mmCIF file of all heavy atoms, coordinates in Angstrom:
data_MODEL
# 
_entry.id   MODEL 
# 
loop_
_atom_site.group_PDB 
_atom_site.id 
_atom_site.type_symbol 
_atom_site.label_atom_id 
_atom_site.label_alt_id 
_atom_site.label_comp_id 
_atom_site.label_asym_id 
_atom_site.label_entity_id 
_atom_site.label_seq_id 
_atom_site.pdbx_PDB_ins_code 
_atom_site.Cartn_x 
_atom_site.Cartn_y 
_atom_site.Cartn_z 
_atom_site.occupancy 
_atom_site.B_iso_or_equiv 
_atom_site.pdbx_formal_charge 
_atom_site.auth_seq_id 
_atom_site.auth_comp_id 
_atom_site.auth_asym_id 
_atom_site.auth_atom_id 
_atom_site.pdbx_PDB_model_num 
ATOM 1   N N   . LEU A 1 1  ? -123.581 -89.247 76.521 1.00 0.00 ? 1  LEU A N   1 
ATOM 2   C CA  . LEU A 1 1  ? -124.289 -88.157 75.853 1.00 0.00 ? 1  LEU A CA  1 
ATOM 3   C C   . LEU A 1 1  ? -123.432 -87.529 74.761 1.00 0.00 ? 1  LEU A C   1 
ATOM 4   O O   . LEU A 1 1  ? -123.917 -87.242 73.658 1.00 0.00 ? 1  LEU A O   1 
ATOM 5   C CB  . LEU A 1 1  ? -124.700 -87.101 76.880 1.00 0.00 ? 1  LEU A CB  1 
ATOM 6   C CG  . LEU A 1 1  ? -125.852 -87.476 77.815 1.00 0.00 ? 1  LEU A CG  1 
ATOM 7   C CD1 . LEU A 1 1  ? -125.998 -86.427 78.905 1.00 0.00 ? 1  LEU A CD1 1 
ATOM 8   C CD2 . LEU A 1 1  ? -127.157 -87.609 77.038 1.00 0.00 ? 1  LEU A CD2 1 
ATOM 9   N N   . LEU A 1 2  ? -122.150 -87.328 75.059 1.00 0.00 ? 2  LEU A N   1 
ATOM 10  C CA  . LEU A 1 2  ? -121.268 -86.710 74.075 1.00 0.00 ? 2  LEU A CA  1 
ATOM 11  C C   . LEU A 1 2  ? -121.014 -87.640 72.887 1.00 0.00 ? 2  LEU A C   1 
ATOM 12  O O   . LEU A 1 2  ? -120.961 -87.200 71.729 1.00 0.00 ? 2  LEU A O   1 
ATOM 13  C CB  . LEU A 1 2  ? -119.953 -86.300 74.731 1.00 0.00 ? 2  LEU A CB  1 
ATOM 14  C CG  . LEU A 1 2  ? -120.066 -85.097 75.684 1.00 0.00 ? 2  LEU A CG  1 
ATOM 15  C CD1 . LEU A 1 2  ? -118.799 -84.946 76.513 1.00 0.00 ? 2  LEU A CD1 1 
ATOM 16  C CD2 . LEU A 1 2  ? -120.354 -83.812 74.906 1.00 0.00 ? 2  LEU A CD2 1 
ATOM 17  N N   . LEU A 1 3  ? -120.856 -88.927 73.160 1.00 0.00 ? 3  LEU A N   1 
ATOM 18  C CA  . LEU A 1 3  ? -120.673 -89.880 72.067 1.00 0.00 ? 3  LEU A CA  1 
ATOM 19  C C   . LEU A 1 3  ? -121.937 -89.977 71.216 1.00 0.00 ? 3  LEU A C   1 
ATOM 20  O O   . LEU A 1 3  ? -121.865 -90.076 69.986 1.00 0.00 ? 3  LEU A O   1 
ATOM 21  C CB  . LEU A 1 3  ? -120.311 -91.261 72.626 1.00 0.00 ? 3  LEU A CB  1 
ATOM 22  C CG  . LEU A 1 3  ? -118.920 -91.410 73.243 1.00 0.00 ? 3  LEU A CG  1 
ATOM 23  C CD1 . LEU A 1 3  ? -118.726 -92.827 73.773 1.00 0.00 ? 3  LEU A CD1 1 
ATOM 24  C CD2 . LEU A 1 3  ? -117.832 -91.068 72.243 1.00 0.00 ? 3  LEU A CD2 1 
ATOM 25  N N   . GLY A 1 4  ? -123.095 -89.973 71.866 1.00 0.00 ? 4  GLY A N   1 
ATOM 26  C CA  . GLY A 1 4  ? -124.346 -90.022 71.123 1.00 0.00 ? 4  GLY A CA  1 
ATOM 27  C C   . GLY A 1 4  ? -124.510 -88.812 70.224 1.00 0.00 ? 4  GLY A C   1 
ATOM 28  O O   . GLY A 1 4  ? -124.958 -88.929 69.070 1.00 0.00 ? 4  GLY A O   1 
ATOM 29  N N   . GLN A 1 5  ? -124.148 -87.652 70.730 1.00 0.00 ? 5  GLN A N   1 
ATOM 30  C CA  . GLN A 1 5  ? -124.210 -86.430 69.940 1.00 0.00 ? 5  GLN A CA  1 
ATOM 31  C C   . GLN A 1 5  ? -123.282 -86.519 68.734 1.00 0.00 ? 5  GLN A C   1 
ATOM 32  O O   . GLN A 1 5  ? -123.657 -86.180 67.604 1.00 0.00 ? 5  GLN A O   1 
ATOM 33  C CB  . GLN A 1 5  ? -123.826 -85.250 70.834 1.00 0.00 ? 5  GLN A CB  1 
ATOM 34  C CG  . GLN A 1 5  ? -123.879 -83.889 70.173 1.00 0.00 ? 5  GLN A CG  1 
ATOM 35  C CD  . GLN A 1 5  ? -123.355 -82.801 71.097 1.00 0.00 ? 5  GLN A CD  1 
ATOM 36  O OE1 . GLN A 1 5  ? -122.188 -82.831 71.501 1.00 0.00 ? 5  GLN A OE1 1 
ATOM 37  N NE2 . GLN A 1 5  ? -124.213 -81.860 71.446 1.00 0.00 ? 5  GLN A NE2 1 
ATOM 38  N N   . PHE A 1 6  ? -122.056 -86.994 68.970 1.00 0.00 ? 6  PHE A N   1 
ATOM 39  C CA  . PHE A 1 6  ? -121.075 -87.127 67.890 1.00 0.00 ? 6  PHE A CA  1 
ATOM 40  C C   . PHE A 1 6  ? -121.539 -88.138 66.850 1.00 0.00 ? 6  PHE A C   1 
ATOM 41  O O   . PHE A 1 6  ? -121.419 -87.908 65.643 1.00 0.00 ? 6  PHE A O   1 
ATOM 42  C CB  . PHE A 1 6  ? -119.726 -87.553 68.478 1.00 0.00 ? 6  PHE A CB  1 
ATOM 43  C CG  . PHE A 1 6  ? -118.622 -87.648 67.474 1.00 0.00 ? 6  PHE A CG  1 
ATOM 44  C CD1 . PHE A 1 6  ? -118.004 -86.511 66.979 1.00 0.00 ? 6  PHE A CD1 1 
ATOM 45  C CD2 . PHE A 1 6  ? -118.180 -88.883 67.019 1.00 0.00 ? 6  PHE A CD2 1 
ATOM 46  C CE1 . PHE A 1 6  ? -116.979 -86.586 66.049 1.00 0.00 ? 6  PHE A CE1 1 
ATOM 47  C CE2 . PHE A 1 6  ? -117.161 -88.976 66.089 1.00 0.00 ? 6  PHE A CE2 1 
ATOM 48  C CZ  . PHE A 1 6  ? -116.551 -87.833 65.606 1.00 0.00 ? 6  PHE A CZ  1 
ATOM 49  N N   . ASP A 1 7  ? -122.091 -89.265 67.303 1.00 0.00 ? 7  ASP A N   1 
ATOM 50  C CA  . ASP A 1 7  ? -122.543 -90.301 66.385 1.00 0.00 ? 7  ASP A CA  1 
ATOM 51  C C   . ASP A 1 7  ? -123.680 -89.805 65.496 1.00 0.00 ? 7  ASP A C   1 
ATOM 52  O O   . ASP A 1 7  ? -123.700 -90.070 64.287 1.00 0.00 ? 7  ASP A O   1 
ATOM 53  C CB  . ASP A 1 7  ? -123.017 -91.532 67.166 1.00 0.00 ? 7  ASP A CB  1 
ATOM 54  C CG  . ASP A 1 7  ? -121.876 -92.294 67.816 1.00 0.00 ? 7  ASP A CG  1 
ATOM 55  O OD1 . ASP A 1 7  ? -120.719 -92.065 67.427 1.00 0.00 ? 7  ASP A OD1 1 
ATOM 56  O OD2 . ASP A 1 7  ? -122.148 -93.113 68.720 1.00 0.00 ? 7  ASP A OD2 1 
ATOM 57  N N   . GLN A 1 8  ? -124.625 -89.090 66.090 1.00 0.00 ? 8  GLN A N   1 
ATOM 58  C CA  . GLN A 1 8  ? -125.746 -88.592 65.303 1.00 0.00 ? 8  GLN A CA  1 
ATOM 59  C C   . GLN A 1 8  ? -125.277 -87.580 64.264 1.00 0.00 ? 8  GLN A C   1 
ATOM 60  O O   . GLN A 1 8  ? -125.702 -87.622 63.103 1.00 0.00 ? 8  GLN A O   1 
ATOM 61  C CB  . GLN A 1 8  ? -126.797 -87.959 66.203 1.00 0.00 ? 8  GLN A CB  1 
ATOM 62  C CG  . GLN A 1 8  ? -128.048 -87.509 65.439 1.00 0.00 ? 8  GLN A CG  1 
ATOM 63  C CD  . GLN A 1 8  ? -129.158 -87.021 66.361 1.00 0.00 ? 8  GLN A CD  1 
ATOM 64  O OE1 . GLN A 1 8  ? -128.964 -86.919 67.572 1.00 0.00 ? 8  GLN A OE1 1 
ATOM 65  N NE2 . GLN A 1 8  ? -130.303 -86.718 65.790 1.00 0.00 ? 8  GLN A NE2 1 
ATOM 66  N N   . ALA A 1 9  ? -124.384 -86.675 64.676 1.00 0.00 ? 9  ALA A N   1 
ATOM 67  C CA  . ALA A 1 9  ? -123.848 -85.700 63.727 1.00 0.00 ? 9  ALA A CA  1 
ATOM 68  C C   . ALA A 1 9  ? -123.081 -86.399 62.604 1.00 0.00 ? 9  ALA A C   1 
ATOM 69  O O   . ALA A 1 9  ? -123.165 -86.009 61.438 1.00 0.00 ? 9  ALA A O   1 
ATOM 70  C CB  . ALA A 1 9  ? -122.942 -84.709 64.448 1.00 0.00 ? 9  ALA A CB  1 
ATOM 71  N N   . GLY A 1 10 ? -122.330 -87.456 62.960 1.00 0.00 ? 10 GLY A N   1 
ATOM 72  C CA  . GLY A 1 10 ? -121.569 -88.189 61.961 1.00 0.00 ? 10 GLY A CA  1 
ATOM 73  C C   . GLY A 1 10 ? -122.451 -88.912 60.961 1.00 0.00 ? 10 GLY A C   1 
ATOM 74  O O   . GLY A 1 10 ? -122.166 -88.930 59.757 1.00 0.00 ? 10 GLY A O   1 
ATOM 75  N N   . GLU A 1 11 ? -123.538 -89.503 61.450 1.00 0.00 ? 11 GLU A N   1 
ATOM 76  C CA  . GLU A 1 11 ? -124.465 -90.205 60.552 1.00 0.00 ? 11 GLU A CA  1 
ATOM 77  C C   . GLU A 1 11 ? -125.084 -89.229 59.557 1.00 0.00 ? 11 GLU A C   1 
ATOM 78  O O   . GLU A 1 11 ? -125.199 -89.531 58.355 1.00 0.00 ? 11 GLU A O   1 
ATOM 79  C CB  . GLU A 1 11 ? -125.552 -90.887 61.379 1.00 0.00 ? 11 GLU A CB  1 
ATOM 80  C CG  . GLU A 1 11 ? -125.063 -92.086 62.178 1.00 0.00 ? 11 GLU A CG  1 
ATOM 81  C CD  . GLU A 1 11 ? -126.102 -92.595 63.162 1.00 0.00 ? 11 GLU A CD  1 
ATOM 82  O OE1 . GLU A 1 11 ? -127.247 -92.066 63.137 1.00 0.00 ? 11 GLU A OE1 1 
ATOM 83  O OE2 . GLU A 1 11 ? -125.781 -93.495 63.954 1.00 0.00 ? 11 GLU A OE2 1 
ATOM 84  N N   . MET A 1 12 ? -125.482 -88.073 60.042 1.00 0.00 ? 12 MET A N   1 
ATOM 85  C CA  . MET A 1 12 ? -126.065 -87.067 59.157 1.00 0.00 ? 12 MET A CA  1 
ATOM 86  C C   . MET A 1 12 ? -125.036 -86.574 58.143 1.00 0.00 ? 12 MET A C   1 
ATOM 87  O O   . MET A 1 12 ? -125.351 -86.380 56.960 1.00 0.00 ? 12 MET A O   1 
ATOM 88  C CB  . MET A 1 12 ? -126.592 -85.897 59.993 1.00 0.00 ? 12 MET A CB  1 
ATOM 89  C CG  . MET A 1 12 ? -127.751 -86.270 60.914 1.00 0.00 ? 12 MET A CG  1 
ATOM 90  S SD  . MET A 1 12 ? -128.157 -84.958 62.109 1.00 0.00 ? 12 MET A SD  1 
ATOM 91  C CE  . MET A 1 12 ? -128.743 -83.669 61.008 1.00 0.00 ? 12 MET A CE  1 
ATOM 92  N N   . ALA A 1 13 ? -123.797 -86.393 58.586 1.00 0.00 ? 13 ALA A N   1 
ATOM 93  C CA  . ALA A 1 13 ? -122.753 -85.896 57.690 1.00 0.00 ? 13 ALA A CA  1 
ATOM 94  C C   . ALA A 1 13 ? -122.430 -86.902 56.593 1.00 0.00 ? 13 ALA A C   1 
ATOM 95  O O   . ALA A 1 13 ? -122.216 -86.525 55.436 1.00 0.00 ? 13 ALA A O   1 
ATOM 96  C CB  . ALA A 1 13 ? -121.501 -85.575 58.495 1.00 0.00 ? 13 ALA A CB  1 
ATOM 97  N N   . ARG A 1 14 ? -122.382 -88.176 56.937 1.00 0.00 ? 14 ARG A N   1 
ATOM 98  C CA  . ARG A 1 14 ? -122.066 -89.190 55.924 1.00 0.00 ? 14 ARG A CA  1 
ATOM 99  C C   . ARG A 1 14 ? -123.128 -89.202 54.828 1.00 0.00 ? 14 ARG A C   1 
ATOM 100 O O   . ARG A 1 14 ? -122.811 -89.377 53.638 1.00 0.00 ? 14 ARG A O   1 
ATOM 101 C CB  . ARG A 1 14 ? -121.939 -90.564 56.585 1.00 0.00 ? 14 ARG A CB  1 
ATOM 102 C CG  . ARG A 1 14 ? -120.676 -90.724 57.429 1.00 0.00 ? 14 ARG A CG  1 
ATOM 103 C CD  . ARG A 1 14 ? -120.639 -92.085 58.122 1.00 0.00 ? 14 ARG A CD  1 
ATOM 104 N NE  . ARG A 1 14 ? -119.634 -92.152 59.160 1.00 0.00 ? 14 ARG A NE  1 
ATOM 105 C CZ  . ARG A 1 14 ? -118.411 -92.670 59.020 1.00 0.00 ? 14 ARG A CZ  1 
ATOM 106 N NH1 . ARG A 1 14 ? -118.046 -93.158 57.844 1.00 0.00 ? 14 ARG A NH1 1 
ATOM 107 N NH2 . ARG A 1 14 ? -117.559 -92.694 60.036 1.00 0.00 ? 14 ARG A NH2 1 
ATOM 108 N N   . VAL A 1 15 ? -124.381 -89.031 55.218 1.00 0.00 ? 15 VAL A N   1 
ATOM 109 C CA  . VAL A 1 15 ? -125.461 -88.982 54.229 1.00 0.00 ? 15 VAL A CA  1 
ATOM 110 C C   . VAL A 1 15 ? -125.308 -87.749 53.343 1.00 0.00 ? 15 VAL A C   1 
ATOM 111 O O   . VAL A 1 15 ? -125.413 -87.821 52.114 1.00 0.00 ? 15 VAL A O   1 
ATOM 112 C CB  . VAL A 1 15 ? -126.835 -88.979 54.931 1.00 0.00 ? 15 VAL A CB  1 
ATOM 113 C CG1 . VAL A 1 15 ? -127.954 -88.702 53.921 1.00 0.00 ? 15 VAL A CG1 1 
ATOM 114 C CG2 . VAL A 1 15 ? -127.082 -90.313 55.617 1.00 0.00 ? 15 VAL A CG2 1 
ATOM 115 N N   . ARG A 1 16 ? -125.028 -86.604 53.969 1.00 0.00 ? 16 ARG A N   1 
ATOM 116 C CA  . ARG A 1 16 ? -124.945 -85.354 53.224 1.00 0.00 ? 16 ARG A CA  1 
ATOM 117 C C   . ARG A 1 16 ? -123.732 -85.303 52.290 1.00 0.00 ? 16 ARG A C   1 
ATOM 118 O O   . ARG A 1 16 ? -123.719 -84.550 51.324 1.00 0.00 ? 16 ARG A O   1 
ATOM 119 C CB  . ARG A 1 16 ? -124.884 -84.178 54.203 1.00 0.00 ? 16 ARG A CB  1 
ATOM 120 C CG  . ARG A 1 16 ? -126.180 -83.875 54.895 1.00 0.00 ? 16 ARG A CG  1 
ATOM 121 C CD  . ARG A 1 16 ? -127.214 -83.323 53.915 1.00 0.00 ? 16 ARG A CD  1 
ATOM 122 N NE  . ARG A 1 16 ? -127.151 -81.872 53.848 1.00 0.00 ? 16 ARG A NE  1 
ATOM 123 C CZ  . ARG A 1 16 ? -127.284 -81.165 52.737 1.00 0.00 ? 16 ARG A CZ  1 
ATOM 124 N NH1 . ARG A 1 16 ? -127.448 -81.776 51.580 1.00 0.00 ? 16 ARG A NH1 1 
ATOM 125 N NH2 . ARG A 1 16 ? -127.253 -79.852 52.750 1.00 0.00 ? 16 ARG A NH2 1 
ATOM 126 N N   . LEU A 1 17 ? -122.696 -86.100 52.578 1.00 0.00 ? 17 LEU A N   1 
ATOM 127 C CA  . LEU A 1 17 ? -121.479 -86.055 51.769 1.00 0.00 ? 17 LEU A CA  1 
ATOM 128 C C   . LEU A 1 17 ? -121.442 -87.112 50.672 1.00 0.00 ? 17 LEU A C   1 
ATOM 129 O O   . LEU A 1 17 ? -120.487 -87.159 49.899 1.00 0.00 ? 17 LEU A O   1 
ATOM 130 C CB  . LEU A 1 17 ? -120.254 -86.184 52.676 1.00 0.00 ? 17 LEU A CB  1 
ATOM 131 C CG  . LEU A 1 17 ? -119.867 -84.883 53.389 1.00 0.00 ? 17 LEU A CG  1 
ATOM 132 C CD1 . LEU A 1 17 ? -118.886 -85.153 54.519 1.00 0.00 ? 17 LEU A CD1 1 
ATOM 133 C CD2 . LEU A 1 17 ? -119.291 -83.876 52.422 1.00 0.00 ? 17 LEU A CD2 1 
ATOM 134 N N   . LYS A 1 18 ? -122.467 -87.948 50.588 1.00 0.00 ? 18 LYS A N   1 
ATOM 135 C CA  . LYS A 1 18 ? -122.500 -88.953 49.529 1.00 0.00 ? 18 LYS A CA  1 
ATOM 136 C C   . LYS A 1 18 ? -122.551 -88.277 48.160 1.00 0.00 ? 18 LYS A C   1 
ATOM 137 O O   . LYS A 1 18 ? -123.251 -87.298 47.951 1.00 0.00 ? 18 LYS A O   1 
ATOM 138 C CB  . LYS A 1 18 ? -123.721 -89.854 49.702 1.00 0.00 ? 18 LYS A CB  1 
ATOM 139 C CG  . LYS A 1 18 ? -123.572 -90.880 50.808 1.00 0.00 ? 18 LYS A CG  1 
ATOM 140 C CD  . LYS A 1 18 ? -124.764 -91.822 50.862 1.00 0.00 ? 18 LYS A CD  1 
ATOM 141 C CE  . LYS A 1 18 ? -124.583 -92.887 51.934 1.00 0.00 ? 18 LYS A CE  1 
ATOM 142 N NZ  . LYS A 1 18 ? -125.773 -93.788 52.016 1.00 0.00 ? 18 LYS A NZ  1 
ATOM 143 N N   . GLY A 1 19 ? -121.768 -88.824 47.228 1.00 0.00 ? 19 GLY A N   1 
ATOM 144 C CA  . GLY A 1 19 ? -121.793 -88.310 45.864 1.00 0.00 ? 19 GLY A CA  1 
ATOM 145 C C   . GLY A 1 19 ? -120.970 -87.059 45.638 1.00 0.00 ? 19 GLY A C   1 
ATOM 146 O O   . GLY A 1 19 ? -121.050 -86.445 44.569 1.00 0.00 ? 19 GLY A O   1 
ATOM 147 N N   . LEU A 1 20 ? -120.146 -86.675 46.601 1.00 0.00 ? 20 LEU A N   1 
ATOM 148 C CA  . LEU A 1 20 ? -119.325 -85.467 46.440 1.00 0.00 ? 20 LEU A CA  1 
ATOM 149 C C   . LEU A 1 20 ? -118.285 -85.689 45.347 1.00 0.00 ? 20 LEU A C   1 
ATOM 150 O O   . LEU A 1 20 ? -117.468 -86.600 45.414 1.00 0.00 ? 20 LEU A O   1 
ATOM 151 C CB  . LEU A 1 20 ? -118.632 -85.126 47.761 1.00 0.00 ? 20 LEU A CB  1 
ATOM 152 C CG  . LEU A 1 20 ? -117.749 -83.872 47.761 1.00 0.00 ? 20 LEU A CG  1 
ATOM 153 C CD1 . LEU A 1 20 ? -118.591 -82.625 47.540 1.00 0.00 ? 20 LEU A CD1 1 
ATOM 154 C CD2 . LEU A 1 20 ? -116.962 -83.778 49.070 1.00 0.00 ? 20 LEU A CD2 1 
ATOM 155 N N   . GLY A 1 21 ? -118.310 -84.833 44.334 1.00 0.00 ? 21 GLY A N   1 
ATOM 156 C CA  . GLY A 1 21 ? -117.358 -84.934 43.235 1.00 0.00 ? 21 GLY A CA  1 
ATOM 157 C C   . GLY A 1 21 ? -116.243 -83.918 43.353 1.00 0.00 ? 21 GLY A C   1 
ATOM 158 O O   . GLY A 1 21 ? -116.317 -82.968 44.144 1.00 0.00 ? 21 GLY A O   1 
ATOM 159 N N   . ASP A 1 22 ? -115.214 -84.086 42.550 1.00 0.00 ? 22 ASP A N   1 
ATOM 160 C CA  . ASP A 1 22 ? -114.038 -83.219 42.645 1.00 0.00 ? 22 ASP A CA  1 
ATOM 161 C C   . ASP A 1 22 ? -114.362 -81.761 42.328 1.00 0.00 ? 22 ASP A C   1 
ATOM 162 O O   . ASP A 1 22 ? -113.859 -80.849 42.995 1.00 0.00 ? 22 ASP A O   1 
ATOM 163 C CB  . ASP A 1 22 ? -112.938 -83.716 41.703 1.00 0.00 ? 22 ASP A CB  1 
ATOM 164 C CG  . ASP A 1 22 ? -112.377 -85.062 42.111 1.00 0.00 ? 22 ASP A CG  1 
ATOM 165 O OD1 . ASP A 1 22 ? -112.679 -85.516 43.231 1.00 0.00 ? 22 ASP A OD1 1 
ATOM 166 O OD2 . ASP A 1 22 ? -111.637 -85.665 41.307 1.00 0.00 ? 22 ASP A OD2 1 
ATOM 167 N N   . ASP A 1 23 ? -115.188 -81.520 41.307 1.00 0.00 ? 23 ASP A N   1 
ATOM 168 C CA  . ASP A 1 23 ? -115.506 -80.138 40.936 1.00 0.00 ? 23 ASP A CA  1 
ATOM 169 C C   . ASP A 1 23 ? -116.225 -79.424 42.071 1.00 0.00 ? 23 ASP A C   1 
ATOM 170 O O   . ASP A 1 23 ? -115.934 -78.258 42.367 1.00 0.00 ? 23 ASP A O   1 
ATOM 171 C CB  . ASP A 1 23 ? -116.362 -80.103 39.670 1.00 0.00 ? 23 ASP A CB  1 
ATOM 172 C CG  . ASP A 1 23 ? -115.582 -80.475 38.416 1.00 0.00 ? 23 ASP A CG  1 
ATOM 173 O OD1 . ASP A 1 23 ? -114.335 -80.466 38.471 1.00 0.00 ? 23 ASP A OD1 1 
ATOM 174 O OD2 . ASP A 1 23 ? -116.214 -80.776 37.391 1.00 0.00 ? 23 ASP A OD2 1 
ATOM 175 N N   . GLU A 1 24 ? -117.171 -80.107 42.676 1.00 0.00 ? 24 GLU A N   1 
ATOM 176 C CA  . GLU A 1 24 ? -117.914 -79.515 43.782 1.00 0.00 ? 24 GLU A CA  1 
ATOM 177 C C   . GLU A 1 24 ? -117.012 -79.323 45.000 1.00 0.00 ? 24 GLU A C   1 
ATOM 178 O O   . GLU A 1 24 ? -117.080 -78.295 45.692 1.00 0.00 ? 24 GLU A O   1 
ATOM 179 C CB  . GLU A 1 24 ? -119.095 -80.415 44.142 1.00 0.00 ? 24 GLU A CB  1 
ATOM 180 C CG  . GLU A 1 24 ? -119.966 -79.884 45.260 1.00 0.00 ? 24 GLU A CG  1 
ATOM 181 C CD  . GLU A 1 24 ? -121.116 -80.815 45.597 1.00 0.00 ? 24 GLU A CD  1 
ATOM 182 O OE1 . GLU A 1 24 ? -121.209 -81.914 44.998 1.00 0.00 ? 24 GLU A OE1 1 
ATOM 183 O OE2 . GLU A 1 24 ? -121.917 -80.455 46.484 1.00 0.00 ? 24 GLU A OE2 1 
ATOM 184 N N   . TYR A 1 25 ? -116.192 -80.295 45.268 1.00 0.00 ? 25 TYR A N   1 
ATOM 185 C CA  . TYR A 1 25 ? -115.265 -80.275 46.401 1.00 0.00 ? 25 TYR A CA  1 
ATOM 186 C C   . TYR A 1 25 ? -114.342 -79.056 46.352 1.00 0.00 ? 25 TYR A C   1 
ATOM 187 O O   . TYR A 1 25 ? -114.063 -78.420 47.369 1.00 0.00 ? 25 TYR A O   1 
ATOM 188 C CB  . TYR A 1 25 ? -114.474 -81.580 46.356 1.00 0.00 ? 25 TYR A CB  1 
ATOM 189 C CG  . TYR A 1 25 ? -113.308 -81.761 47.265 1.00 0.00 ? 25 TYR A CG  1 
ATOM 190 C CD1 . TYR A 1 25 ? -113.465 -81.901 48.645 1.00 0.00 ? 25 TYR A CD1 1 
ATOM 191 C CD2 . TYR A 1 25 ? -112.012 -81.875 46.738 1.00 0.00 ? 25 TYR A CD2 1 
ATOM 192 C CE1 . TYR A 1 25 ? -112.368 -82.118 49.475 1.00 0.00 ? 25 TYR A CE1 1 
ATOM 193 C CE2 . TYR A 1 25 ? -110.918 -82.099 47.556 1.00 0.00 ? 25 TYR A CE2 1 
ATOM 194 C CZ  . TYR A 1 25 ? -111.100 -82.217 48.923 1.00 0.00 ? 25 TYR A CZ  1 
ATOM 195 O OH  . TYR A 1 25 ? -110.017 -82.451 49.742 1.00 0.00 ? 25 TYR A OH  1 
ATOM 196 N N   . LEU A 1 26 ? -113.901 -78.690 45.150 1.00 0.00 ? 26 LEU A N   1 
ATOM 197 C CA  . LEU A 1 26 ? -112.954 -77.583 44.975 1.00 0.00 ? 26 LEU A CA  1 
ATOM 198 C C   . LEU A 1 26 ? -113.620 -76.277 44.536 1.00 0.00 ? 26 LEU A C   1 
ATOM 199 O O   . LEU A 1 26 ? -112.929 -75.270 44.344 1.00 0.00 ? 26 LEU A O   1 
ATOM 200 C CB  . LEU A 1 26 ? -111.892 -77.970 43.945 1.00 0.00 ? 26 LEU A CB  1 
ATOM 201 C CG  . LEU A 1 26 ? -110.958 -79.121 44.345 1.00 0.00 ? 26 LEU A CG  1 
ATOM 202 C CD1 . LEU A 1 26 ? -110.150 -79.585 43.146 1.00 0.00 ? 26 LEU A CD1 1 
ATOM 203 C CD2 . LEU A 1 26 ? -110.041 -78.710 45.487 1.00 0.00 ? 26 LEU A CD2 1 
ATOM 204 N N   . TRP A 1 27 ? -114.931 -76.273 44.410 1.00 0.00 ? 27 TRP A N   1 
ATOM 205 C CA  . TRP A 1 27 ? -115.656 -75.096 43.926 1.00 0.00 ? 27 TRP A CA  1 
ATOM 206 C C   . TRP A 1 27 ? -115.469 -73.906 44.854 1.00 0.00 ? 27 TRP A C   1 
ATOM 207 O O   . TRP A 1 27 ? -115.622 -74.010 46.066 1.00 0.00 ? 27 TRP A O   1 
ATOM 208 C CB  . TRP A 1 27 ? -117.136 -75.426 43.799 1.00 0.00 ? 27 TRP A CB  1 
ATOM 209 C CG  . TRP A 1 27 ? -118.015 -74.254 43.464 1.00 0.00 ? 27 TRP A CG  1 
ATOM 210 C CD1 . TRP A 1 27 ? -117.939 -73.456 42.364 1.00 0.00 ? 27 TRP A CD1 1 
ATOM 211 C CD2 . TRP A 1 27 ? -119.105 -73.755 44.262 1.00 0.00 ? 27 TRP A CD2 1 
ATOM 212 N NE1 . TRP A 1 27 ? -118.919 -72.478 42.408 1.00 0.00 ? 27 TRP A NE1 1 
ATOM 213 C CE2 . TRP A 1 27 ? -119.647 -72.649 43.563 1.00 0.00 ? 27 TRP A CE2 1 
ATOM 214 C CE3 . TRP A 1 27 ? -119.673 -74.146 45.466 1.00 0.00 ? 27 TRP A CE3 1 
ATOM 215 C CZ2 . TRP A 1 27 ? -120.733 -71.924 44.043 1.00 0.00 ? 27 TRP A CZ2 1 
ATOM 216 C CZ3 . TRP A 1 27 ? -120.754 -73.431 45.957 1.00 0.00 ? 27 TRP A CZ3 1 
ATOM 217 C CH2 . TRP A 1 27 ? -121.266 -72.336 45.250 1.00 0.00 ? 27 TRP A CH2 1 
ATOM 218 N N   . GLU A 1 28 ? -115.124 -72.753 44.274 1.00 0.00 ? 28 GLU A N   1 
ATOM 219 C CA  . GLU A 1 28 ? -114.957 -71.521 45.035 1.00 0.00 ? 28 GLU A CA  1 
ATOM 220 C C   . GLU A 1 28 ? -116.219 -70.670 44.909 1.00 0.00 ? 28 GLU A C   1 
ATOM 221 O O   . GLU A 1 28 ? -116.493 -70.123 43.835 1.00 0.00 ? 28 GLU A O   1 
ATOM 222 C CB  . GLU A 1 28 ? -113.728 -70.750 44.551 1.00 0.00 ? 28 GLU A CB  1 
ATOM 223 C CG  . GLU A 1 28 ? -112.423 -71.513 44.754 1.00 0.00 ? 28 GLU A CG  1 
ATOM 224 C CD  . GLU A 1 28 ? -111.188 -70.649 44.517 1.00 0.00 ? 28 GLU A CD  1 
ATOM 225 O OE1 . GLU A 1 28 ? -111.309 -69.408 44.624 1.00 0.00 ? 28 GLU A OE1 1 
ATOM 226 O OE2 . GLU A 1 28 ? -110.123 -71.218 44.248 1.00 0.00 ? 28 GLU A OE2 1 
# 
């Protein structure tokens, strides 16, 4: 159950982080 939870969160995070650029990464 814990691995499944972690895997699902990781899959969603990888999608959400696609295309992250340096300006956005460091934006305050």
